[in-house]
Amino acid sequence: MNALVDAGHVGREVDGIADVLSLTERGRAAVETQYEWMCERMNGE
């Protein structure tokens, strides 16, 4: 998980003894790009 935080894809906040993780805009863009790439491969484009 640290690699995703370090890359800016995931945000981390401490809430008591737990970490609260959230997807950043950079992370969301990376997920969308990966999804589009996978769809292209599955559809034979």
PDB file of N, CA and C in Angstrom:
ATOM      1  N   MET A   1       0.822  -1.192   0.000  1.00  0.00           N
ATOM      2  CA  MET A   1       0.000   0.000   0.000  1.00  0.00           C
ATOM      3  C   MET A   1       0.868   1.259   0.000  1.00  0.00           C
ATOM      4  N   ASN A   2       2.031   1.196   0.642  1.00  0.00           N
ATOM      5  CA  ASN A   2       2.898   2.373   0.689  1.00  0.00           C
ATOM      6  C   ASN A   2       3.299   2.842  -0.704  1.00  0.00           C
ATOM      7  N   ALA A   3       3.508   1.907  -1.626  1.00  0.00           N
ATOM      8  CA  ALA A   3       3.901   2.285  -2.990  1.00  0.00           C
ATOM      9  C   ALA A   3       2.804   3.098  -3.659  1.00  0.00           C
ATOM     10  N   LEU A   4       1.536   2.744  -3.425  1.00  0.00           N
ATOM     11  CA  LEU A   4       0.423   3.493  -4.012  1.00  0.00           C
ATOM     12  C   LEU A   4       0.319   4.885  -3.402  1.00  0.00           C
ATOM     13  N   VAL A   5       0.563   4.982  -2.102  1.00  0.00           N
ATOM     14  CA  VAL A   5       0.558   6.291  -1.433  1.00  0.00           C
ATOM     15  C   VAL A   5       1.720   7.122  -1.962  1.00  0.00           C
ATOM     16  N   ASP A   6       2.905   6.531  -2.037  1.00  0.00           N
ATOM     17  CA  ASP A   6       4.089   7.244  -2.518  1.00  0.00           C
ATOM     18  C   ASP A   6       3.922   7.710  -3.960  1.00  0.00           C
ATOM     19  N   ALA A   7       3.220   6.938  -4.776  1.00  0.00           N
ATOM     20  CA  ALA A   7       2.993   7.295  -6.178  1.00  0.00           C
ATOM     21  C   ALA A   7       1.887   8.328  -6.341  1.00  0.00           C
ATOM     22  N   GLY A   8       1.153   8.617  -5.262  1.00  0.00           N
ATOM     23  CA  GLY A   8       0.092   9.608  -5.336  1.00  0.00           C
ATOM     24  C   GLY A   8      -1.246   9.058  -5.792  1.00  0.00           C
ATOM     25  N   HIS A   9      -1.375   7.741  -5.859  1.00  0.00           N
ATOM     26  CA  HIS A   9      -2.623   7.128  -6.304  1.00  0.00           C
ATOM     27  C   HIS A   9      -3.630   6.971  -5.170  1.00  0.00           C
ATOM     28  N   VAL A  10      -3.129   6.898  -3.943  1.00  0.00           N
ATOM     29  CA  VAL A  10      -3.980   6.693  -2.776  1.00  0.00           C
ATOM     30  C   VAL A  10      -3.584   7.707  -1.712  1.00  0.00           C
ATOM     31  N   GLY A  11      -4.599   8.290  -1.057  1.00  0.00           N
ATOM     32  CA  GLY A  11      -4.362   9.179   0.064  1.00  0.00           C
ATOM     33  C   GLY A  11      -4.548   8.409   1.360  1.00  0.00           C
ATOM     34  N   ARG A  12      -3.806   8.791   2.385  1.00  0.00           N
ATOM     35  CA  ARG A  12      -3.898   8.096   3.676  1.00  0.00           C
ATOM     36  C   ARG A  12      -4.056   9.137   4.785  1.00  0.00           C
ATOM     37  N   GLU A  13      -5.056   8.918   5.626  1.00  0.00           N
ATOM     38  CA  GLU A  13      -5.246   9.738   6.812  1.00  0.00           C
ATOM     39  C   GLU A  13      -5.362   8.805   8.007  1.00  0.00           C
ATOM     40  N   VAL A  14      -4.883   9.259   9.153  1.00  0.00           N
ATOM     41  CA  VAL A  14      -4.970   8.458  10.369  1.00  0.00           C
ATOM     42  C   VAL A  14      -6.232   8.870  11.115  1.00  0.00           C
ATOM     43  N   ASP A  15      -7.029   7.878  11.492  1.00  0.00           N
ATOM     44  CA  ASP A  15      -8.246   8.103  12.265  1.00  0.00           C
ATOM     45  C   ASP A  15      -8.180   7.205  13.496  1.00  0.00           C
ATOM     46  N   GLY A  16      -7.671   7.744  14.577  1.00  0.00           N
ATOM     47  CA  GLY A  16      -7.466   6.921  15.765  1.00  0.00           C
ATOM     48  C   GLY A  16      -6.330   5.954  15.516  1.00  0.00           C
ATOM     49  N   ILE A  17      -6.631   4.660  15.610  1.00  0.00           N
ATOM     50  CA  ILE A  17      -5.591   3.653  15.367  1.00  0.00           C
ATOM     51  C   ILE A  17      -5.663   3.084  13.958  1.00  0.00           C
ATOM     52  N   ALA A  18      -6.616   3.557  13.168  1.00  0.00           N
ATOM     53  CA  ALA A  18      -6.815   3.022  11.818  1.00  0.00           C
ATOM     54  C   ALA A  18      -6.387   4.037  10.767  1.00  0.00           C
ATOM     55  N   ASP A  19      -5.908   3.531   9.638  1.00  0.00           N
ATOM     56  CA  ASP A  19      -5.635   4.373   8.468  1.00  0.00           C
ATOM     57  C   ASP A  19      -6.877   4.387   7.594  1.00  0.00           C
ATOM     58  N   VAL A  20      -7.232   5.573   7.127  1.00  0.00           N
ATOM     59  CA  VAL A  20      -8.343   5.718   6.194  1.00  0.00           C
ATOM     60  C   VAL A  20      -7.725   6.001   4.830  1.00  0.00           C
ATOM     61  N   LEU A  21      -8.004   5.137   3.867  1.00  0.00           N
ATOM     62  CA  LEU A  21      -7.423   5.253   2.534  1.00  0.00           C
ATOM     63  C   LEU A  21      -8.470   5.766   1.560  1.00  0.00           C
ATOM     64  N   SER A  22      -8.036   6.571   0.610  1.00  0.00           N
ATOM     65  CA  SER A  22      -8.949   7.073  -0.414  1.00  0.00           C
ATOM     66  C   SER A  22      -8.210   7.177  -1.740  1.00  0.00           C
ATOM     67  N   LEU A  23      -8.943   6.982  -2.795  1.00  0.00           N
ATOM     68  CA  LEU A  23      -8.384   7.074  -4.140  1.00  0.00           C
ATOM     69  C   LEU A  23      -8.267   8.549  -4.517  1.00  0.00           C
ATOM     70  N   THR A  24      -7.095   8.956  -4.981  1.00  0.00           N
ATOM     71  CA  THR A  24      -6.896  10.343  -5.408  1.00  0.00           C
ATOM     72  C   THR A  24      -7.339  10.495  -6.867  1.00  0.00           C
ATOM     73  N   GLU A  25      -7.366  11.720  -7.346  1.00  0.00           N
ATOM     74  CA  GLU A  25      -7.692  11.949  -8.754  1.00  0.00           C
ATOM     75  C   GLU A  25      -6.670  11.272  -9.658  1.00  0.00           C
ATOM     76  N   ARG A  26      -5.411  11.314  -9.260  1.00  0.00           N
ATOM     77  CA  ARG A  26      -4.362  10.631 -10.035  1.00  0.00           C
ATOM     78  C   ARG A  26      -4.620   9.127 -10.063  1.00  0.00           C
ATOM     79  N   GLY A  27      -5.021   8.568  -8.933  1.00  0.00           N
ATOM     80  CA  GLY A  27      -5.335   7.150  -8.858  1.00  0.00           C
ATOM     81  C   GLY A  27      -6.547   6.791  -9.697  1.00  0.00           C
ATOM     82  N   ARG A  28      -7.570   7.642  -9.638  1.00  0.00           N
ATOM     83  CA  ARG A  28      -8.781   7.413 -10.429  1.00  0.00           C
ATOM     84  C   ARG A  28      -8.456   7.424 -11.922  1.00  0.00           C
ATOM     85  N   ALA A  29      -7.619   8.358 -12.337  1.00  0.00           N
ATOM     86  CA  ALA A  29      -7.225   8.430 -13.748  1.00  0.00           C
ATOM     87  C   ALA A  29      -6.462   7.177 -14.157  1.00  0.00           C
ATOM     88  N   ALA A  30      -5.593   6.680 -13.284  1.00  0.00           N
ATOM     89  CA  ALA A  30      -4.828   5.468 -13.592  1.00  0.00           C
ATOM     90  C   ALA A  30      -5.746   4.256 -13.723  1.00  0.00           C
ATOM     91  N   VAL A  31      -6.742   4.163 -12.841  1.00  0.00           N
ATOM     92  CA  VAL A  31      -7.698   3.054 -12.906  1.00  0.00           C
ATOM     93  C   VAL A  31      -8.494   3.124 -14.207  1.00  0.00           C
ATOM     94  N   GLU A  32      -8.949   4.317 -14.570  1.00  0.00           N
ATOM     95  CA  GLU A  32      -9.721   4.469 -15.807  1.00  0.00           C
ATOM     96  C   GLU A  32      -8.877   4.113 -17.031  1.00  0.00           C
ATOM     97  N   THR A  33      -7.628   4.532 -17.037  1.00  0.00           N
ATOM     98  CA  THR A  33      -6.726   4.204 -18.147  1.00  0.00           C
ATOM     99  C   THR A  33      -6.526   2.699 -18.253  1.00  0.00           C
ATOM    100  N   GLN A  34      -6.309   2.044 -17.125  1.00  0.00           N
ATOM    101  CA  GLN A  34      -6.124   0.589 -17.117  1.00  0.00           C
ATOM    102  C   GLN A  34      -7.390  -0.116 -17.585  1.00  0.00           C
ATOM    103  N   TYR A  35      -8.544   0.363 -17.148  1.00  0.00           N
ATOM    104  CA  TYR A  35      -9.826  -0.229 -17.531  1.00  0.00           C
ATOM    105  C   TYR A  35     -10.035  -0.122 -19.045  1.00  0.00           C
ATOM    106  N   GLU A  36      -9.758   1.054 -19.604  1.00  0.00           N
ATOM    107  CA  GLU A  36      -9.904   1.242 -21.045  1.00  0.00           C
ATOM    108  C   GLU A  36      -8.964   0.314 -21.811  1.00  0.00           C
ATOM    109  N   TRP A  37      -7.723   0.177 -21.339  1.00  0.00           N
ATOM    110  CA  TRP A  37      -6.752  -0.708 -21.966  1.00  0.00           C
ATOM    111  C   TRP A  37      -7.250  -2.150 -21.943  1.00  0.00           C
ATOM    112  N   MET A  38      -7.778  -2.580 -20.802  1.00  0.00           N
ATOM    113  CA  MET A  38      -8.279  -3.954 -20.676  1.00  0.00           C
ATOM    114  C   MET A  38      -9.481  -4.185 -21.591  1.00  0.00           C
ATOM    115  N   CYS A  39     -10.374  -3.213 -21.658  1.00  0.00           N
ATOM    116  CA  CYS A  39     -11.549  -3.361 -22.526  1.00  0.00           C
ATOM    117  C   CYS A  39     -11.139  -3.487 -23.994  1.00  0.00           C
ATOM    118  N   GLU A  40     -10.159  -2.692 -24.406  1.00  0.00           N
ATOM    119  CA  GLU A  40      -9.659  -2.769 -25.783  1.00  0.00           C
ATOM    120  C   GLU A  40      -9.101  -4.160 -26.070  1.00  0.00           C
ATOM    121  N   ARG A  41      -8.368  -4.729 -25.140  1.00  0.00           N
ATOM    122  CA  ARG A  41      -7.782  -6.060 -25.350  1.00  0.00           C
ATOM    123  C   ARG A  41      -8.840  -7.141 -25.376  1.00  0.00           C
ATOM    124  N   MET A  42      -9.850  -7.013 -24.539  1.00  0.00           N
ATOM    125  CA  MET A  42     -10.898  -8.033 -24.469  1.00  0.00           C
ATOM    126  C   MET A  42     -11.811  -7.981 -25.698  1.00  0.00           C
ATOM    127  N   ASN A  43     -11.960  -6.787 -26.264  1.00  0.00           N
ATOM    128  CA  ASN A  43     -12.831  -6.633 -27.421  1.00  0.00           C
ATOM    129  C   ASN A  43     -12.069  -6.823 -28.725  1.00  0.00           C
ATOM    130  N   GLY A  44     -10.789  -7.103 -28.651  1.00  0.00           N
ATOM    131  CA  GLY A  44      -9.991  -7.367 -29.839  1.00  0.00           C
ATOM    132  C   GLY A  44      -9.677  -6.147 -30.668  1.00  0.00           C
ATOM    133  N   GLU A  45      -9.720  -4.992 -30.061  1.00  0.00           N
ATOM    134  CA  GLU A  45      -9.424  -3.752 -30.806  1.00  0.00           C
ATOM    135  C   GLU A  45      -7.962  -3.482 -30.835  1.00  0.00           C
TER     136      GLU A  45
END
